[in-house]
Amino acid sequence: MTATRTQDAAARCFALVDEIKRTRAELSKEYGRHCTRFGPLVLANGLVQTVGFLEAKAAGEGPGARAARLFLDHLGELLGQRQPLAWLRAAPLGEYLRATRQALALAQWFKRYAQGHLGVDATD
């Protein structure tokens, strides 16, 4: 039996969140915050602006910056882009809208797994 796109996305998101829990536990809370806040940020500001915001966060120092970089790397991996910000800024409208829908679908899974698997509260 083949998995649906939703099942595939769920499995891939879980694997990435589980990797954080197993190998980078010190970043799990910060990473989880990015997971829970990503969807609302995309809805309020748009995908390019949100990814740009995360890029700015990732440019800093400390665990928050490392967690933002990991989240961006994971998002790019799931969207099939190594540099999501550059790709999104140059994407035609149809591709951008598709990427936004895909990112919002992924955001649901990231949030669920951050809350359930990393123990991050939505109010953190």
C-alpha atoms as a PDB file:
ATOM      1  CA  MET A   1       0.000   0.000   0.000  1.00  0.00           C
ATOM      2  CA  THR A   2       1.372   3.414  -0.899  1.00  0.00           C
ATOM      3  CA  ALA A   3       1.346   6.294   1.511  1.00  0.00           C
ATOM      4  CA  THR A   4      -0.581   9.441   0.749  1.00  0.00           C
ATOM      5  CA  ARG A   5       1.232  12.788   0.538  1.00  0.00           C
ATOM      6  CA  THR A   6      -0.125  13.634   3.967  1.00  0.00           C
ATOM      7  CA  GLN A   7       1.169  10.391   5.459  1.00  0.00           C
ATOM      8  CA  ASP A   8       4.538  10.954   3.830  1.00  0.00           C
ATOM      9  CA  ALA A   9       4.748  14.515   5.172  1.00  0.00           C
ATOM     10  CA  ALA A  10       3.768  13.345   8.650  1.00  0.00           C
ATOM     11  CA  ALA A  11       6.419  10.623   8.645  1.00  0.00           C
ATOM     12  CA  ARG A  12       9.122  12.973   7.392  1.00  0.00           C
ATOM     13  CA  CYS A  13       8.259  15.671   9.954  1.00  0.00           C
ATOM     14  CA  PHE A  14       8.256  13.108  12.745  1.00  0.00           C
ATOM     15  CA  ALA A  15      11.669  11.803  11.705  1.00  0.00           C
ATOM     16  CA  LEU A  16      13.129  15.323  11.789  1.00  0.00           C
ATOM     17  CA  VAL A  17      11.577  16.220  15.154  1.00  0.00           C
ATOM     18  CA  ASP A  18      12.637  12.856  16.588  1.00  0.00           C
ATOM     19  CA  GLU A  19      16.187  13.488  15.369  1.00  0.00           C
ATOM     20  CA  ILE A  20      16.228  16.740  17.350  1.00  0.00           C
ATOM     21  CA  LYS A  21      14.973  14.951  20.449  1.00  0.00           C
ATOM     22  CA  ARG A  22      17.549  12.157  20.154  1.00  0.00           C
ATOM     23  CA  THR A  23      20.655  14.041  19.020  1.00  0.00           C
ATOM     24  CA  ARG A  24      20.158  17.700  19.967  1.00  0.00           C
ATOM     25  CA  ALA A  25      18.095  17.648  23.140  1.00  0.00           C
ATOM     26  CA  GLU A  26      19.602  20.963  24.262  1.00  0.00           C
ATOM     27  CA  LEU A  27      17.894  22.639  21.284  1.00  0.00           C
ATOM     28  CA  SER A  28      14.544  20.885  21.580  1.00  0.00           C
ATOM     29  CA  LYS A  29      12.685  23.718  23.354  1.00  0.00           C
ATOM     30  CA  GLU A  30      13.919  26.417  20.955  1.00  0.00           C
ATOM     31  CA  TYR A  31      13.333  24.182  17.938  1.00  0.00           C
ATOM     32  CA  GLY A  32       9.865  23.347  19.258  1.00  0.00           C
ATOM     33  CA  ARG A  33       9.046  27.047  19.579  1.00  0.00           C
ATOM     34  CA  HIS A  34       9.867  27.529  15.903  1.00  0.00           C
ATOM     35  CA  CYS A  35       7.661  24.534  15.098  1.00  0.00           C
ATOM     36  CA  THR A  36       4.680  25.916  16.999  1.00  0.00           C
ATOM     37  CA  ARG A  37       5.030  29.509  15.790  1.00  0.00           C
ATOM     38  CA  PHE A  38       5.785  28.867  12.130  1.00  0.00           C
ATOM     39  CA  GLY A  39       2.207  28.320  10.909  1.00  0.00           C
ATOM     40  CA  PRO A  40       0.705  31.429  12.534  1.00  0.00           C
ATOM     41  CA  LEU A  41       3.626  33.512  11.281  1.00  0.00           C
ATOM     42  CA  VAL A  42       3.052  32.301   7.714  1.00  0.00           C
ATOM     43  CA  LEU A  43      -0.654  33.084   7.949  1.00  0.00           C
ATOM     44  CA  ALA A  44      -0.048  36.550   9.371  1.00  0.00           C
ATOM     45  CA  ASN A  45       2.970  37.624   7.312  1.00  0.00           C
ATOM     46  CA  GLY A  46       3.366  35.310   4.330  1.00  0.00           C
ATOM     47  CA  LEU A  47       5.881  32.580   3.635  1.00  0.00           C
ATOM     48  CA  VAL A  48       8.735  34.730   2.298  1.00  0.00           C
ATOM     49  CA  GLN A  49       8.567  37.127   5.226  1.00  0.00           C
ATOM     50  CA  THR A  50       8.460  34.274   7.732  1.00  0.00           C
ATOM     51  CA  VAL A  51      11.402  32.475   6.151  1.00  0.00           C
ATOM     52  CA  GLY A  52      13.274  35.784   6.039  1.00  0.00           C
ATOM     53  CA  PHE A  53      12.552  36.306   9.736  1.00  0.00           C
ATOM     54  CA  LEU A  54      13.893  32.835  10.520  1.00  0.00           C
ATOM     55  CA  GLU A  55      16.990  33.528   8.388  1.00  0.00           C
ATOM     56  CA  ALA A  56      17.640  36.642  10.476  1.00  0.00           C
ATOM     57  CA  LYS A  57      17.204  34.625  13.683  1.00  0.00           C
ATOM     58  CA  ALA A  58      19.548  31.935  12.355  1.00  0.00           C
ATOM     59  CA  ALA A  59      22.279  34.491  11.655  1.00  0.00           C
ATOM     60  CA  GLY A  60      22.737  35.163  15.363  1.00  0.00           C
ATOM     61  CA  GLU A  61      24.613  33.265  18.049  1.00  0.00           C
ATOM     62  CA  GLY A  62      23.485  30.777  20.630  1.00  0.00           C
ATOM     63  CA  PRO A  63      20.952  27.976  20.857  1.00  0.00           C
ATOM     64  CA  GLY A  64      18.099  30.034  19.424  1.00  0.00           C
ATOM     65  CA  ALA A  65      20.087  30.729  16.269  1.00  0.00           C
ATOM     66  CA  ARG A  66      21.140  27.082  15.922  1.00  0.00           C
ATOM     67  CA  ALA A  67      17.537  25.937  16.390  1.00  0.00           C
ATOM     68  CA  ALA A  68      16.323  28.436  13.775  1.00  0.00           C
ATOM     69  CA  ARG A  69      18.992  27.201  11.331  1.00  0.00           C
ATOM     70  CA  LEU A  70      17.974  23.584  11.913  1.00  0.00           C
ATOM     71  CA  PHE A  71      14.304  24.405  11.424  1.00  0.00           C
ATOM     72  CA  LEU A  72      15.079  26.255   8.180  1.00  0.00           C
ATOM     73  CA  ASP A  73      17.230  23.370   6.960  1.00  0.00           C
ATOM     74  CA  HIS A  74      14.435  20.924   7.744  1.00  0.00           C
ATOM     75  CA  LEU A  75      11.822  23.105   6.077  1.00  0.00           C
ATOM     76  CA  GLY A  76      14.014  23.469   2.994  1.00  0.00           C
ATOM     77  CA  GLU A  77      14.547  19.719   2.883  1.00  0.00           C
ATOM     78  CA  LEU A  78      10.803  19.072   3.013  1.00  0.00           C
ATOM     79  CA  LEU A  79      10.106  21.727   0.371  1.00  0.00           C
ATOM     80  CA  GLY A  80      12.888  20.314  -1.801  1.00  0.00           C
ATOM     81  CA  GLN A  81      15.009  23.473  -1.677  1.00  0.00           C
ATOM     82  CA  ARG A  82      18.443  23.940  -0.112  1.00  0.00           C
ATOM     83  CA  GLN A  83      17.999  27.730   0.058  1.00  0.00           C
ATOM     84  CA  PRO A  84      14.279  28.305   0.551  1.00  0.00           C
ATOM     85  CA  LEU A  85      14.438  32.097   0.905  1.00  0.00           C
ATOM     86  CA  ALA A  86      16.219  32.691  -2.390  1.00  0.00           C
ATOM     87  CA  TRP A  87      13.968  30.190  -4.144  1.00  0.00           C
ATOM     88  CA  LEU A  88      10.765  31.696  -2.734  1.00  0.00           C
ATOM     89  CA  ARG A  89      11.736  35.252  -3.640  1.00  0.00           C
ATOM     90  CA  ALA A  90      12.281  34.212  -7.262  1.00  0.00           C
ATOM     91  CA  ALA A  91       9.349  31.770  -7.518  1.00  0.00           C
ATOM     92  CA  PRO A  92       6.480  32.509  -9.900  1.00  0.00           C
ATOM     93  CA  LEU A  93       3.133  33.122  -8.211  1.00  0.00           C
ATOM     94  CA  GLY A  94       1.816  29.594  -8.813  1.00  0.00           C
ATOM     95  CA  GLU A  95       4.885  27.977  -7.273  1.00  0.00           C
ATOM     96  CA  TYR A  96       4.827  30.397  -4.351  1.00  0.00           C
ATOM     97  CA  LEU A  97       1.181  29.616  -3.607  1.00  0.00           C
ATOM     98  CA  ARG A  98       1.850  25.873  -3.826  1.00  0.00           C
ATOM     99  CA  ALA A  99       4.850  26.240  -1.517  1.00  0.00           C
ATOM    100  CA  THR A 100       2.747  28.225   0.956  1.00  0.00           C
ATOM    101  CA  ARG A 101       0.059  25.528   1.013  1.00  0.00           C
ATOM    102  CA  GLN A 102       2.717  22.862   1.452  1.00  0.00           C
ATOM    103  CA  ALA A 103       4.475  24.827   4.207  1.00  0.00           C
ATOM    104  CA  LEU A 104       1.190  25.318   6.088  1.00  0.00           C
ATOM    105  CA  ALA A 105       0.471  21.587   5.870  1.00  0.00           C
ATOM    106  CA  LEU A 106       3.960  20.845   7.185  1.00  0.00           C
ATOM    107  CA  ALA A 107       3.490  23.423   9.937  1.00  0.00           C
ATOM    108  CA  GLN A 108       0.575  21.431  11.332  1.00  0.00           C
ATOM    109  CA  TRP A 109       2.728  18.319  11.615  1.00  0.00           C
ATOM    110  CA  PHE A 110       5.708  20.182  13.053  1.00  0.00           C
ATOM    111  CA  LYS A 111       3.460  21.758  15.687  1.00  0.00           C
ATOM    112  CA  ARG A 112       1.788  18.466  16.625  1.00  0.00           C
ATOM    113  CA  TYR A 113       5.098  16.665  16.992  1.00  0.00           C
ATOM    114  CA  ALA A 114       6.749  19.536  18.865  1.00  0.00           C
ATOM    115  CA  GLN A 115       3.911  19.516  21.373  1.00  0.00           C
ATOM    116  CA  GLY A 116       3.563  15.753  21.649  1.00  0.00           C
ATOM    117  CA  HIS A 117       7.115  14.514  21.179  1.00  0.00           C
ATOM    118  CA  LEU A 118       9.248  17.421  22.411  1.00  0.00           C
ATOM    119  CA  GLY A 119       6.799  18.502  25.110  1.00  0.00           C
ATOM    120  CA  VAL A 120       6.671  22.113  23.926  1.00  0.00           C
ATOM    121  CA  ASP A 121       3.589  24.041  25.011  1.00  0.00           C
ATOM    122  CA  ALA A 122       1.992  26.371  22.463  1.00  0.00           C
ATOM    123  CA  THR A 123       2.355  29.220  24.947  1.00  0.00           C
ATOM    124  CA  ASP A 124       6.142  28.759  25.350  1.00  0.00           C
END
